[in-house]
Amino acid sequence: MLSRVVQRMRAAGVDNADQLGASMLREQQRINAAEVAEAIAGRRVPHLLKSARRAGLLKPEILEALGLSTHALIAGALRQPGEADATA
């Protein structure tokens, strides 16, 4: 997707499209890393994991069968509200 944005910036006549593209990529990587850190800590659980939790898809036997019981994002999704503050 970023390459298409850079191509469109070039087509629009932006002189430093490659530099802007690299800058945009670094910024998005920082945002993604921060979001993953919040999810692992249990401070902000992604919508799909909340839905999976409510539907019972994060039960221990299911996670064990899938080999996901030790995955950091799953552990973050299973934390109770307020528990993240105690571990941070």
N, C-alpha and C. Protein backbone atom coordinates (compact mmCIF):
# COMPACT_ATOMS: atom_id res chain seq x y z
N MET A 1 0.82 -1.17 0.00
CA MET A 1 0.00 0.00 0.00
C MET A 1 0.88 1.26 0.00
N LEU A 2 1.93 1.23 0.79
CA LEU A 2 2.80 2.40 0.85
C LEU A 2 3.42 2.68 -0.51
N SER A 3 3.79 1.64 -1.25
CA SER A 3 4.39 1.87 -2.56
C SER A 3 3.40 2.55 -3.50
N ARG A 4 2.11 2.20 -3.37
CA ARG A 4 1.10 2.88 -4.20
C ARG A 4 0.96 4.34 -3.81
N VAL A 5 1.02 4.63 -2.52
CA VAL A 5 0.94 6.01 -2.06
C VAL A 5 2.14 6.80 -2.60
N VAL A 6 3.31 6.21 -2.52
CA VAL A 6 4.52 6.88 -3.02
C VAL A 6 4.40 7.10 -4.52
N GLN A 7 3.90 6.12 -5.26
CA GLN A 7 3.71 6.28 -6.70
C GLN A 7 2.74 7.42 -6.99
N ARG A 8 1.68 7.50 -6.24
CA ARG A 8 0.70 8.58 -6.45
C ARG A 8 1.28 9.95 -6.09
N MET A 9 2.11 9.97 -5.05
CA MET A 9 2.76 11.24 -4.70
C MET A 9 3.70 11.67 -5.83
N ARG A 10 4.45 10.70 -6.39
CA ARG A 10 5.34 11.02 -7.52
C ARG A 10 4.52 11.54 -8.70
N ALA A 11 3.40 10.85 -8.99
CA ALA A 11 2.54 11.25 -10.11
C ALA A 11 1.96 12.65 -9.89
N ALA A 12 1.76 13.00 -8.64
CA ALA A 12 1.22 14.33 -8.31
C ALA A 12 2.30 15.40 -8.33
N GLY A 13 3.55 14.98 -8.53
CA GLY A 13 4.64 15.95 -8.63
C GLY A 13 5.35 16.25 -7.33
N VAL A 14 5.16 15.42 -6.32
CA VAL A 14 5.86 15.63 -5.05
C VAL A 14 7.33 15.29 -5.25
N ASP A 15 8.20 16.25 -4.95
CA ASP A 15 9.63 16.08 -5.21
C ASP A 15 10.28 15.02 -4.32
N ASN A 16 9.95 14.99 -3.06
CA ASN A 16 10.62 14.07 -2.12
C ASN A 16 9.69 12.93 -1.71
N ALA A 17 9.01 12.33 -2.67
CA ALA A 17 8.04 11.27 -2.38
C ALA A 17 8.70 10.08 -1.69
N ASP A 18 9.91 9.72 -2.09
CA ASP A 18 10.59 8.58 -1.46
C ASP A 18 10.92 8.86 0.00
N GLN A 19 11.39 10.08 0.27
CA GLN A 19 11.69 10.44 1.66
C GLN A 19 10.43 10.48 2.50
N LEU A 20 9.37 11.04 1.95
CA LEU A 20 8.10 11.07 2.68
C LEU A 20 7.58 9.65 2.93
N GLY A 21 7.72 8.79 1.93
CA GLY A 21 7.28 7.40 2.09
C GLY A 21 8.04 6.70 3.20
N ALA A 22 9.35 6.89 3.24
CA ALA A 22 10.16 6.29 4.30
C ALA A 22 9.75 6.83 5.67
N SER A 23 9.50 8.12 5.72
CA SER A 23 9.07 8.75 6.97
C SER A 23 7.71 8.21 7.42
N MET A 24 6.79 8.05 6.47
CA MET A 24 5.47 7.50 6.79
C MET A 24 5.58 6.07 7.31
N LEU A 25 6.47 5.29 6.70
CA LEU A 25 6.66 3.90 7.13
C LEU A 25 7.19 3.85 8.56
N ARG A 26 8.18 4.67 8.88
CA ARG A 26 8.73 4.68 10.25
C ARG A 26 7.66 5.09 11.26
N GLU A 27 6.88 6.10 10.90
CA GLU A 27 5.81 6.55 11.81
C GLU A 27 4.79 5.43 12.05
N GLN A 28 4.40 4.73 10.99
CA GLN A 28 3.43 3.65 11.14
C GLN A 28 4.01 2.50 11.96
N GLN A 29 5.29 2.21 11.78
CA GLN A 29 5.92 1.16 12.57
C GLN A 29 5.92 1.51 14.06
N ARG A 30 6.16 2.78 14.39
CA ARG A 30 6.09 3.21 15.80
C ARG A 30 4.68 3.07 16.35
N ILE A 31 3.70 3.45 15.56
CA ILE A 31 2.30 3.33 15.98
C ILE A 31 1.94 1.87 16.21
N ASN A 32 2.33 1.00 15.27
CA ASN A 32 2.04 -0.43 15.39
C ASN A 32 2.70 -1.03 16.63
N ALA A 33 3.94 -0.66 16.88
CA ALA A 33 4.66 -1.18 18.05
C ALA A 33 3.98 -0.74 19.34
N ALA A 34 3.53 0.50 19.38
CA ALA A 34 2.84 0.99 20.58
C ALA A 34 1.51 0.27 20.79
N GLU A 35 0.78 0.01 19.70
CA GLU A 35 -0.50 -0.70 19.82
C GLU A 35 -0.29 -2.14 20.29
N VAL A 36 0.74 -2.80 19.77
CA VAL A 36 1.03 -4.17 20.20
C VAL A 36 1.43 -4.18 21.67
N ALA A 37 2.23 -3.21 22.10
CA ALA A 37 2.64 -3.14 23.51
C ALA A 37 1.43 -2.96 24.42
N GLU A 38 0.48 -2.11 24.02
CA GLU A 38 -0.74 -1.92 24.82
C GLU A 38 -1.57 -3.18 24.87
N ALA A 39 -1.65 -3.91 23.75
CA ALA A 39 -2.43 -5.14 23.72
C ALA A 39 -1.79 -6.22 24.58
N ILE A 40 -0.46 -6.34 24.50
CA ILE A 40 0.24 -7.34 25.30
C ILE A 40 0.07 -7.06 26.79
N ALA A 41 0.10 -5.77 27.14
CA ALA A 41 -0.06 -5.39 28.54
C ALA A 41 -1.51 -5.51 29.01
N GLY A 42 -2.43 -5.69 28.07
CA GLY A 42 -3.84 -5.81 28.42
C GLY A 42 -4.55 -4.49 28.60
N ARG A 43 -3.85 -3.39 28.28
CA ARG A 43 -4.47 -2.07 28.42
C ARG A 43 -5.47 -1.78 27.33
N ARG A 44 -5.26 -2.36 26.15
CA ARG A 44 -6.16 -2.11 25.02
C ARG A 44 -6.24 -3.41 24.21
N VAL A 45 -7.37 -4.07 24.31
CA VAL A 45 -7.54 -5.35 23.63
C VAL A 45 -8.18 -5.10 22.26
N PRO A 46 -7.56 -5.64 21.18
CA PRO A 46 -8.14 -5.47 19.85
C PRO A 46 -9.56 -6.03 19.78
N HIS A 47 -10.39 -5.42 18.96
CA HIS A 47 -11.80 -5.77 18.85
C HIS A 47 -12.01 -7.27 18.57
N LEU A 48 -11.23 -7.83 17.65
CA LEU A 48 -11.42 -9.25 17.32
C LEU A 48 -11.13 -10.16 18.50
N LEU A 49 -10.15 -9.80 19.31
CA LEU A 49 -9.86 -10.61 20.49
C LEU A 49 -10.95 -10.46 21.54
N LYS A 50 -11.54 -9.26 21.65
CA LYS A 50 -12.67 -9.08 22.57
C LYS A 50 -13.83 -9.95 22.13
N SER A 51 -14.11 -9.95 20.83
CA SER A 51 -15.21 -10.76 20.31
C SER A 51 -14.95 -12.25 20.51
N ALA A 52 -13.71 -12.67 20.27
CA ALA A 52 -13.36 -14.08 20.47
C ALA A 52 -13.50 -14.47 21.93
N ARG A 53 -13.11 -13.58 22.83
CA ARG A 53 -13.23 -13.84 24.26
C ARG A 53 -14.69 -14.00 24.64
N ARG A 54 -15.55 -13.08 24.18
CA ARG A 54 -16.99 -13.14 24.49
C ARG A 54 -17.64 -14.39 23.91
N ALA A 55 -17.18 -14.85 22.75
CA ALA A 55 -17.75 -16.02 22.11
C ALA A 55 -17.23 -17.33 22.70
N GLY A 56 -16.31 -17.23 23.64
CA GLY A 56 -15.77 -18.43 24.28
C GLY A 56 -14.65 -19.09 23.50
N LEU A 57 -14.10 -18.40 22.51
CA LEU A 57 -13.05 -18.99 21.69
C LEU A 57 -11.67 -18.91 22.33
N LEU A 58 -11.58 -18.24 23.48
CA LEU A 58 -10.29 -18.15 24.17
C LEU A 58 -10.26 -19.02 25.41
N LYS A 59 -11.08 -20.05 25.40
CA LYS A 59 -11.07 -21.00 26.53
C LYS A 59 -9.75 -21.76 26.52
N PRO A 60 -9.27 -22.11 27.71
CA PRO A 60 -7.96 -22.77 27.81
C PRO A 60 -7.80 -24.00 26.91
N GLU A 61 -8.82 -24.84 26.81
CA GLU A 61 -8.70 -26.05 25.99
C GLU A 61 -8.58 -25.72 24.50
N ILE A 62 -9.25 -24.67 24.05
CA ILE A 62 -9.16 -24.26 22.65
C ILE A 62 -7.78 -23.67 22.37
N LEU A 63 -7.31 -22.80 23.25
CA LEU A 63 -5.99 -22.20 23.07
C LEU A 63 -4.89 -23.25 23.09
N GLU A 64 -5.03 -24.23 23.98
CA GLU A 64 -4.04 -25.32 24.06
C GLU A 64 -4.03 -26.12 22.76
N ALA A 65 -5.20 -26.45 22.24
CA ALA A 65 -5.29 -27.22 21.00
C ALA A 65 -4.68 -26.47 19.82
N LEU A 66 -4.81 -25.17 19.83
CA LEU A 66 -4.25 -24.35 18.75
C LEU A 66 -2.79 -23.97 18.98
N GLY A 67 -2.29 -24.27 20.17
CA GLY A 67 -0.91 -23.91 20.49
C GLY A 67 -0.72 -22.42 20.74
N LEU A 68 -1.79 -21.75 21.21
CA LEU A 68 -1.74 -20.31 21.42
C LEU A 68 -1.78 -19.90 22.88
N SER A 69 -1.74 -20.85 23.77
CA SER A 69 -1.94 -20.53 25.18
C SER A 69 -0.84 -19.63 25.76
N THR A 70 0.32 -19.58 25.14
CA THR A 70 1.40 -18.73 25.67
C THR A 70 1.64 -17.49 24.81
N HIS A 71 0.82 -17.27 23.81
CA HIS A 71 1.00 -16.10 22.93
C HIS A 71 0.73 -14.82 23.72
N ALA A 72 1.60 -13.85 23.57
CA ALA A 72 1.52 -12.62 24.36
C ALA A 72 0.22 -11.85 24.14
N LEU A 73 -0.27 -11.78 22.91
CA LEU A 73 -1.51 -11.05 22.65
C LEU A 73 -2.71 -11.74 23.30
N ILE A 74 -2.69 -13.06 23.31
CA ILE A 74 -3.77 -13.81 23.96
C ILE A 74 -3.75 -13.56 25.46
N ALA A 75 -2.56 -13.59 26.04
CA ALA A 75 -2.44 -13.32 27.48
C ALA A 75 -2.96 -11.93 27.81
N GLY A 76 -2.66 -10.95 26.96
CA GLY A 76 -3.15 -9.59 27.17
C GLY A 76 -4.66 -9.51 27.08
N ALA A 77 -5.24 -10.26 26.15
CA ALA A 77 -6.70 -10.26 25.97
C ALA A 77 -7.41 -10.91 27.14
N LEU A 78 -6.74 -11.83 27.81
CA LEU A 78 -7.36 -12.56 28.92
C LEU A 78 -7.22 -11.84 30.26
N ARG A 79 -6.39 -10.80 30.31
CA ARG A 79 -6.25 -10.06 31.58
C ARG A 79 -7.54 -9.36 31.92
N GLN A 80 -7.81 -9.28 33.20
CA GLN A 80 -9.01 -8.56 33.68
C GLN A 80 -8.70 -7.08 33.71
N PRO A 81 -9.73 -6.23 33.50
CA PRO A 81 -9.50 -4.79 33.60
C PRO A 81 -8.88 -4.43 34.94
N GLY A 82 -7.88 -3.57 34.92
CA GLY A 82 -7.18 -3.18 36.14
C GLY A 82 -5.97 -4.04 36.43
N GLU A 83 -5.96 -5.25 35.90
CA GLU A 83 -4.83 -6.16 36.13
C GLU A 83 -3.59 -5.65 35.41
N ALA A 84 -3.75 -5.00 34.27
CA ALA A 84 -2.61 -4.49 33.51
C ALA A 84 -1.84 -3.44 34.32
N ASP A 85 -2.58 -2.63 35.09
CA ASP A 85 -1.92 -1.61 35.89
C ASP A 85 -1.02 -2.22 36.97
N ALA A 86 -1.43 -3.37 37.50
CA ALA A 86 -0.66 -4.02 38.55
C ALA A 86 0.62 -4.63 38.01
N THR A 87 0.62 -5.04 36.70
CA THR A 87 1.79 -5.69 36.14
C THR A 87 2.70 -4.71 35.42
N ALA A 88 2.24 -3.51 35.17
CA ALA A 88 3.03 -2.53 34.41
C ALA A 88 4.06 -1.86 35.29
